[in-house]
């Protein structure tokens, strides 16, 4: 009798339910399986007590020696990025990982010394904006590969390697952070070109001025002069003066858009103020253009493709962050920038070169990887300085 009842329930209830709702059943099964895999991977990349040295350095911590057959993910967090998002990210990471592998850069007086603690097969998960990634690259004695949890405003480097445009406070959950750790552990390395940017004043008299002194920077994303650098400078000045207005990524993006709209009728044409040569050949800069961009990655201004697609008839090649070349393009003004932002137009492609020389003949706003300033007349050279291995986020299988 019981067997007949079970058989009837199977044919009348269980089998019809499986037939009528297989997608939901499969989705729930896959979710649980993937979730199990995620936390199993996190346990595997967590620093074990046996990997820690017995003695440490005051203010630095204990040495972490990862065995050859193991991998550890070290999370480096800028809790000032993205308003409250960075602080929440730090709290969640401390729940998921062990104490020694979560680094709060706000409490690191000597980040290079802290990063030297880690030996072996290490992967960095940098939680912050593109500036935080640059800081880690410059501080790391050993170039451990980097994944990004984007907390900044533009996050163009993060977008270029598949890590997304930003994690909002509402999405900063245990599940979201766990997935970033999981993807960091299984991602594939992909090289990124890095560039020396050498700025030299035109004359010895100019060099004596502190505002026109020689500088050497490192660039990974882009360098620009003119109207878009003016917008970036206005944005940074207001953020420094009124930090409470910039408490989240969404507010920052909106404020940046407003700055762009306010500049619609501003900006001075270059009109011979800049001269650009690529691999020794002069590149044509239209005198009415209001900006010039030297780019290394395919994303610009929050993930937009200003360079545009290329075909077999084109003399240019698509943007590649590891081809040893820079792309030079011009923008006519803020309206043109707006058209590029909505993919209605592209920037004016000028050239691609392995070395760039940029001469500025008057004071003009410039920016390097989102950091703007007013630059007096000078000569700026871009020289390849090598590559750093980023981690490309794996594509989620459907």
Protein backbone atom coordinates (compact mmCIF):
# COMPACT_ATOMS: atom_id res chain seq x y z
CA UNK A 1 0.00 0.00 0.00
CA UNK A 2 2.79 2.44 0.94
CA UNK A 3 4.64 1.57 -2.24
CA UNK A 4 1.56 2.38 -4.32
CA UNK A 5 1.15 5.74 -2.55
CA UNK A 6 4.84 6.63 -3.16
CA UNK A 7 4.53 5.55 -6.80
CA UNK A 8 1.41 7.68 -7.23
CA UNK A 9 3.09 10.73 -5.63
CA UNK A 10 6.10 10.27 -7.90
CA UNK A 11 4.03 10.15 -11.09
CA UNK A 12 1.38 12.68 -10.11
CA UNK A 13 3.50 15.26 -8.22
CA UNK A 14 7.27 14.85 -8.46
CA UNK A 15 7.65 14.09 -12.17
CA UNK A 16 5.17 16.80 -13.33
CA UNK A 17 6.98 19.33 -11.10
CA UNK A 18 10.35 18.40 -12.62
CA UNK A 19 8.91 18.60 -16.14
CA UNK A 20 7.13 21.92 -15.61
CA UNK A 21 9.93 23.76 -13.77
CA UNK A 22 13.30 22.39 -14.87
CA UNK A 23 14.98 25.83 -15.42
CA UNK A 24 14.30 26.95 -11.86
CA UNK A 25 15.34 23.59 -10.45
CA UNK A 26 18.54 23.61 -12.51
CA UNK A 27 19.26 27.20 -11.51
CA UNK A 28 18.87 26.44 -7.82
CA UNK A 29 21.06 23.35 -8.14
CA UNK A 30 23.74 25.27 -10.04
CA UNK A 31 23.62 28.15 -7.55
CA UNK A 32 24.22 25.81 -4.62
CA UNK A 33 26.97 23.95 -6.45
CA UNK A 34 28.78 27.15 -7.52
CA UNK A 35 28.37 28.60 -4.03
CA UNK A 36 29.96 25.47 -2.60
CA UNK A 37 32.84 25.76 -5.07
CA UNK A 38 33.35 29.44 -4.20
CA UNK A 39 33.78 28.89 -0.48
CA UNK A 40 35.88 25.76 -1.03
CA UNK A 41 38.26 27.88 -3.16
CA UNK A 42 38.33 30.64 -0.53
CA UNK A 43 39.39 28.12 2.12
CA UNK A 44 42.17 26.94 -0.22
CA UNK A 45 43.59 30.47 -0.76
CA UNK A 46 43.35 31.52 2.91
CA UNK A 47 46.67 32.00 4.68
CA UNK A 48 47.23 29.14 7.16
CA UNK A 49 48.94 29.61 10.55
CA UNK A 50 51.71 27.23 9.41
CA UNK A 51 52.64 29.68 6.63
CA UNK A 52 53.48 32.44 9.12
CA UNK A 53 56.98 33.01 10.47
CA UNK A 54 57.45 32.85 14.23
CA UNK A 55 58.75 36.40 14.49
CA UNK A 56 57.52 39.61 12.86
CA UNK A 57 58.59 43.20 12.38
CA UNK A 58 56.96 45.86 14.53
CA UNK A 59 54.39 47.78 12.48
CA UNK A 60 54.82 45.42 9.52
CA UNK A 61 53.70 41.98 10.71
CA UNK A 62 54.91 38.44 10.25
CA UNK A 63 56.40 37.00 7.06
CA UNK A 64 53.99 34.86 5.02
CA UNK A 65 55.67 32.00 3.12
CA UNK A 66 53.22 30.25 0.79
CA UNK A 67 54.16 26.63 -0.12
CA UNK A 68 55.00 25.97 -3.78
CA UNK A 69 51.88 23.92 -4.41
CA UNK A 70 49.56 26.50 -2.80
CA UNK A 71 48.20 29.95 -3.69
CA UNK A 72 47.15 32.80 -1.41
CA UNK A 73 45.00 35.82 -2.23
CA UNK A 74 46.10 39.00 -0.45
CA UNK A 75 43.38 41.68 -0.28
CA UNK A 76 44.61 45.29 -0.30
CA UNK A 77 41.84 47.73 0.57
CA UNK A 78 41.62 51.49 0.23
CA UNK A 79 38.68 52.14 2.55
CA UNK A 80 38.57 55.80 1.46
CA UNK A 81 37.48 54.74 -2.03
CA UNK A 82 33.82 54.97 -2.96
CA UNK A 83 32.59 56.70 0.19
CA UNK A 84 31.33 54.08 2.66
CA UNK A 85 31.90 51.21 0.21
CA UNK A 86 35.59 50.80 1.06
CA UNK A 87 34.97 50.52 4.80
CA UNK A 88 32.20 47.94 4.27
CA UNK A 89 34.42 45.99 1.87
CA UNK A 90 37.15 45.84 4.51
CA UNK A 91 34.73 44.51 7.11
CA UNK A 92 33.42 41.75 4.82
CA UNK A 93 36.93 40.70 3.76
CA UNK A 94 37.95 40.30 7.39
CA UNK A 95 35.05 37.86 7.81
CA UNK A 96 36.08 35.77 4.80
CA UNK A 97 39.89 35.78 5.02
CA UNK A 98 42.49 35.52 7.76
CA UNK A 99 43.86 38.66 9.43
CA UNK A 100 47.36 38.64 7.87
CA UNK A 101 46.02 38.63 4.31
CA UNK A 102 43.75 41.69 4.57
CA UNK A 103 45.70 44.97 4.31
CA UNK A 104 44.14 48.34 5.08
CA UNK A 105 46.31 50.85 3.21
CA UNK A 106 45.08 53.66 5.46
CA UNK A 107 46.95 51.98 8.31
CA UNK A 108 50.12 51.21 6.31
CA UNK A 109 52.81 53.86 6.83
CA UNK A 110 55.12 51.78 4.61
CA UNK A 111 53.16 49.80 2.00
CA UNK A 112 56.27 48.50 0.13
CA UNK A 113 57.61 47.00 3.37
CA UNK A 114 54.23 45.41 4.12
CA UNK A 115 54.01 43.84 0.65
CA UNK A 116 57.55 42.41 0.98
CA UNK A 117 56.20 40.16 3.76
CA UNK A 118 54.54 37.87 1.22
CA UNK A 119 56.58 35.17 -0.53
CA UNK A 120 55.53 32.43 -2.92
CA UNK A 121 52.50 32.11 -5.20
CA UNK A 122 50.64 35.29 -4.28
CA UNK A 123 47.76 37.08 -6.02
CA UNK A 124 46.75 40.61 -5.04
CA UNK A 125 43.08 41.58 -4.92
CA UNK A 126 43.18 45.39 -4.93
CA UNK A 127 39.96 46.92 -3.60
CA UNK A 128 39.89 50.58 -4.64
CA UNK A 129 40.16 52.78 -7.70
CA UNK A 130 42.73 52.79 -10.51
CA UNK A 131 44.95 55.04 -8.38
CA UNK A 132 45.10 52.36 -5.68
CA UNK A 133 46.13 49.78 -8.30
CA UNK A 134 48.91 52.09 -9.48
CA UNK A 135 50.06 52.55 -5.88
CA UNK A 136 50.28 48.78 -5.36
CA UNK A 137 52.18 48.30 -8.62
CA UNK A 138 54.73 50.93 -7.63
CA UNK A 139 55.05 49.47 -4.10
CA UNK A 140 55.40 45.77 -4.95
CA UNK A 141 59.01 44.54 -5.04
CA UNK A 142 57.77 41.27 -6.57
CA UNK A 143 55.22 41.81 -9.37
CA UNK A 144 52.51 39.48 -8.09
CA UNK A 145 49.51 39.51 -10.49
CA UNK A 146 46.64 41.86 -9.66
CA UNK A 147 42.86 41.51 -9.74
CA UNK A 148 40.61 44.48 -9.00
CA UNK A 149 37.47 44.99 -6.95
CA UNK A 150 36.56 48.45 -8.33
CA UNK A 151 35.57 51.02 -5.72
CA UNK A 152 36.68 54.20 -7.50
CA UNK A 153 34.84 56.52 -9.92
CA UNK A 154 36.00 55.72 -13.47
CA UNK A 155 37.68 52.33 -12.94
CA UNK A 156 38.89 52.18 -16.55
CA UNK A 157 41.68 49.71 -15.78
CA UNK A 158 39.24 47.45 -13.94
CA UNK A 159 36.83 47.57 -16.88
CA UNK A 160 39.62 46.81 -19.36
CA UNK A 161 40.33 43.50 -17.61
CA UNK A 162 36.73 42.48 -17.02
CA UNK A 163 36.33 43.35 -13.31
CA UNK A 164 33.46 45.78 -13.85
CA UNK A 165 32.77 49.45 -13.35
CA UNK A 166 32.21 49.49 -9.61
CA UNK A 167 30.62 47.77 -6.63
CA UNK A 168 27.87 49.81 -4.93
CA UNK A 169 27.30 49.83 -1.18
CA UNK A 170 24.04 47.89 -1.62
CA UNK A 171 25.95 45.13 -3.46
CA UNK A 172 28.77 44.88 -0.92
CA UNK A 173 27.61 41.55 0.48
CA UNK A 174 29.41 38.45 1.64
CA UNK A 175 28.37 36.70 -1.58
CA UNK A 176 29.69 39.49 -3.85
CA UNK A 177 33.06 39.73 -2.09
CA UNK A 178 33.40 35.94 -2.05
CA UNK A 179 32.89 35.82 -5.82
CA UNK A 180 35.66 38.38 -6.36
CA UNK A 181 38.06 36.29 -4.25
CA UNK A 182 37.00 33.16 -6.14
CA UNK A 183 37.54 34.82 -9.55
CA UNK A 184 40.88 36.24 -8.42
CA UNK A 185 42.04 32.72 -7.52
CA UNK A 186 41.12 31.23 -10.91
CA UNK A 187 41.80 34.18 -13.26
CA UNK A 188 44.43 34.06 -15.99
CA UNK A 189 47.36 36.53 -16.08
CA UNK A 190 47.38 39.07 -18.89
CA UNK A 191 50.14 41.66 -19.38
CA UNK A 192 49.62 45.43 -19.15
CA UNK A 193 52.04 47.93 -20.69
CA UNK A 194 53.31 50.59 -18.32
CA UNK A 195 54.92 53.87 -19.40
CA UNK A 196 57.40 56.40 -18.05
CA UNK A 197 56.08 59.95 -18.49
CA UNK A 198 59.02 62.37 -18.34
CA UNK A 199 58.13 66.08 -18.04
CA UNK A 200 60.91 68.60 -18.72
CA UNK A 201 60.51 72.42 -18.73
CA UNK A 202 61.66 74.26 -21.85
CA UNK A 203 64.40 76.31 -20.19
CA UNK A 204 66.67 76.42 -17.14
CA UNK A 205 64.82 79.54 -15.98
CA UNK A 206 61.53 77.70 -16.11
CA UNK A 207 63.07 74.72 -14.32
CA UNK A 208 63.85 76.92 -11.33
CA UNK A 209 60.12 77.40 -10.78
CA UNK A 210 58.56 74.78 -8.51
CA UNK A 211 55.46 74.66 -10.74
CA UNK A 212 57.58 73.84 -13.78
CA UNK A 213 60.12 71.40 -12.37
CA UNK A 214 61.10 68.12 -13.99
CA UNK A 215 58.86 65.18 -13.11
CA UNK A 216 58.79 61.48 -13.88
CA UNK A 217 55.47 59.68 -13.60
CA UNK A 218 54.25 56.20 -14.40
CA UNK A 219 51.17 55.76 -16.57
CA UNK A 220 48.99 52.71 -17.12
CA UNK A 221 45.71 54.13 -18.52
CA UNK A 222 45.95 57.47 -20.29
CA UNK A 223 47.31 61.01 -20.41
CA UNK A 224 45.31 63.93 -21.76
CA UNK A 225 45.56 67.68 -22.27
CA UNK A 226 42.86 70.30 -22.70
CA UNK A 227 39.12 70.26 -22.05
CA UNK A 228 38.68 66.84 -20.41
CA UNK A 229 41.63 67.54 -18.08
CA UNK A 230 39.97 70.87 -17.16
CA UNK A 231 36.77 68.99 -16.24
CA UNK A 232 38.77 66.50 -14.16
CA UNK A 233 40.58 69.34 -12.38
CA UNK A 234 37.30 71.10 -11.53
CA UNK A 235 35.92 67.78 -10.21
CA UNK A 236 38.97 67.16 -7.98
CA UNK A 237 39.00 70.71 -6.64
CA UNK A 238 35.35 70.51 -5.58
CA UNK A 239 35.86 67.04 -4.07
CA UNK A 240 38.78 68.31 -2.00
CA UNK A 241 36.77 71.33 -0.84
CA UNK A 242 33.43 69.56 -0.21
CA UNK A 243 34.15 65.84 0.39
CA UNK A 244 30.64 65.27 1.79
CA UNK A 245 29.22 65.79 -1.73
CA UNK A 246 31.21 62.80 -3.02
CA UNK A 247 30.15 60.04 -0.64
CA UNK A 248 29.33 57.34 -3.22
CA UNK A 249 30.25 56.14 -6.71
CA UNK A 250 26.87 57.11 -8.17
CA UNK A 251 27.16 60.66 -6.77
CA UNK A 252 30.70 60.94 -8.14
CA UNK A 253 29.64 59.84 -11.64
CA UNK A 254 26.68 62.25 -11.61
CA UNK A 255 28.87 65.11 -10.41
CA UNK A 256 31.39 64.38 -13.16
CA UNK A 257 28.60 64.47 -15.76
CA UNK A 258 27.40 67.82 -14.40
CA UNK A 259 30.93 69.20 -14.65
CA UNK A 260 31.04 68.09 -18.27
CA UNK A 261 27.72 69.83 -19.00
CA UNK A 262 28.90 73.03 -17.31
CA UNK A 263 31.97 73.01 -19.56
CA UNK A 264 29.87 72.68 -22.76
CA UNK A 265 30.62 76.24 -23.83
CA UNK A 266 34.07 76.44 -22.28
CA UNK A 267 37.48 75.24 -23.31
CA UNK A 268 40.05 76.98 -25.44
CA UNK A 269 41.05 75.53 -28.82
CA UNK A 270 44.60 74.22 -28.80
CA UNK A 271 45.44 76.48 -31.77
CA UNK A 272 49.08 75.42 -31.99
CA UNK A 273 49.57 75.09 -28.23
CA UNK A 274 50.54 71.42 -28.61
CA UNK A 275 52.78 69.53 -30.97
CA UNK A 276 52.85 65.71 -30.99
CA UNK A 277 55.33 63.36 -32.61
CA UNK A 278 55.05 59.58 -32.68
CA UNK A 279 58.12 57.44 -33.40
CA UNK A 280 59.82 60.57 -34.73
CA UNK A 281 57.04 61.62 -37.12
CA UNK A 282 54.82 64.64 -36.47
CA UNK A 283 51.14 63.82 -35.95
CA UNK A 284 48.45 66.18 -37.28
CA UNK A 285 46.64 68.08 -34.50
CA UNK A 286 43.78 70.28 -35.73
CA UNK A 287 44.05 73.84 -34.30
CA UNK A 288 40.34 73.90 -33.38
CA UNK A 289 40.48 70.74 -31.28
CA UNK A 290 40.13 71.33 -27.54
CA UNK A 291 41.86 68.21 -26.29
CA UNK A 292 44.36 65.45 -27.08
CA UNK A 293 44.37 61.99 -25.48
CA UNK A 294 47.28 59.56 -25.29
CA UNK A 295 45.76 56.21 -24.35
CA UNK A 296 47.09 52.78 -23.36
CA UNK A 297 43.88 50.86 -22.53
CA UNK A 298 40.61 50.44 -24.48
CA UNK A 299 38.44 52.10 -21.81
CA UNK A 300 38.24 55.84 -21.22
CA UNK A 301 35.99 58.06 -19.07
CA UNK A 302 34.23 55.21 -17.29
CA UNK A 303 34.49 52.40 -19.81
CA UNK A 304 33.82 54.22 -23.09
CA UNK A 305 35.59 53.23 -26.31
CA UNK A 306 36.82 56.55 -27.68
CA UNK A 307 39.15 54.88 -30.23
CA UNK A 308 36.36 52.88 -31.86
CA UNK A 309 36.39 49.70 -33.97
CA UNK A 310 38.92 49.04 -36.73
CA UNK A 311 38.52 47.00 -39.92
CA UNK A 312 40.79 45.65 -42.64
CA UNK A 313 40.52 48.90 -44.63
CA UNK A 314 41.73 50.94 -41.65
CA UNK A 315 45.38 51.90 -41.24
CA UNK A 316 44.97 51.61 -37.45
CA UNK A 317 44.73 48.53 -35.25
CA UNK A 318 42.43 47.96 -32.24
CA UNK A 319 43.61 49.11 -28.82
CA UNK A 320 45.71 46.46 -27.08
CA UNK A 321 47.02 47.16 -23.57
CA UNK A 322 50.03 44.89 -24.17
CA UNK A 323 51.16 45.74 -27.72
CA UNK A 324 53.85 48.24 -26.71
CA UNK A 325 52.02 51.07 -28.49
CA UNK A 326 50.04 54.15 -27.45
CA UNK A 327 47.01 55.56 -29.23
CA UNK A 328 46.82 59.33 -29.90
CA UNK A 329 43.42 60.91 -30.57
CA UNK A 330 41.81 64.34 -30.50
CA UNK A 331 38.46 65.67 -29.24
CA UNK A 332 36.75 68.76 -30.66
CA UNK A 333 35.05 69.76 -27.39
CA UNK A 334 32.61 68.63 -24.72
CA UNK A 335 29.82 67.95 -27.23
CA UNK A 336 32.16 65.64 -29.12
CA UNK A 337 33.14 63.98 -25.83
CA UNK A 338 29.45 63.49 -25.06
CA UNK A 339 28.89 61.85 -28.46
CA UNK A 340 31.81 59.51 -27.78
CA UNK A 341 30.35 58.66 -24.37
CA UNK A 342 27.08 57.45 -25.90
CA UNK A 343 28.92 55.61 -28.72
CA UNK A 344 27.40 57.94 -31.34
CA UNK A 345 30.86 59.05 -32.46
CA UNK A 346 34.53 58.29 -31.85
CA UNK A 347 37.52 60.51 -31.16
CA UNK A 348 39.63 61.71 -34.08
CA UNK A 349 42.29 59.02 -34.48
CA UNK A 350 45.70 60.60 -35.04
CA UNK A 351 48.25 57.81 -34.71
CA UNK A 352 49.73 54.82 -32.89
CA UNK A 353 53.36 54.78 -31.80
CA UNK A 354 55.86 53.07 -29.52
CA UNK A 355 57.19 56.40 -28.26
CA UNK A 356 55.45 59.76 -28.03
CA UNK A 357 56.86 63.28 -27.65
CA UNK A 358 54.40 66.01 -26.66
CA UNK A 359 55.39 69.69 -26.63
CA UNK A 360 53.23 72.25 -24.82
CA UNK A 361 53.79 75.92 -25.70
CA UNK A 362 51.48 77.50 -23.11
CA UNK A 363 50.09 76.63 -19.69
CA UNK A 364 47.36 74.04 -20.07
CA UNK A 365 45.39 71.55 -17.96
CA UNK A 366 46.69 67.98 -18.16
CA UNK A 367 45.88 64.72 -16.41
CA UNK A 368 47.67 61.41 -15.98
CA UNK A 369 45.51 58.42 -15.00
CA UNK A 370 42.84 60.74 -13.64
CA UNK A 371 45.16 63.03 -11.61
CA UNK A 372 44.91 66.57 -13.08
CA UNK A 373 47.06 69.70 -12.75
CA UNK A 374 47.99 72.91 -14.62
CA UNK A 375 51.14 72.31 -16.64
CA UNK A 376 53.43 75.18 -17.77
CA UNK A 377 55.17 74.94 -21.17
CA UNK A 378 57.24 71.77 -21.35
CA UNK A 379 58.27 68.67 -23.27
CA UNK A 380 56.60 65.40 -22.28
CA UNK A 381 57.98 62.05 -23.46
CA UNK A 382 56.33 58.65 -23.13
CA UNK A 383 58.67 55.66 -22.92
CA UNK A 384 57.78 52.01 -22.44
CA UNK A 385 58.90 50.82 -18.98
CA UNK A 386 57.86 47.17 -19.19
CA UNK A 387 54.77 45.16 -18.37
CA UNK A 388 52.88 44.13 -15.25
CA UNK A 389 50.69 41.04 -15.10
CA UNK A 390 47.08 41.85 -14.44
CA UNK A 391 44.46 39.14 -13.93
CA UNK A 392 41.65 38.94 -16.49
CA UNK A 393 38.35 38.04 -14.85
CA UNK A 394 36.97 34.70 -16.07
CA UNK A 395 33.74 34.84 -18.03
CA UNK A 396 30.84 33.34 -16.10
CA UNK A 397 29.50 30.30 -17.90
CA UNK A 398 25.75 30.34 -18.49
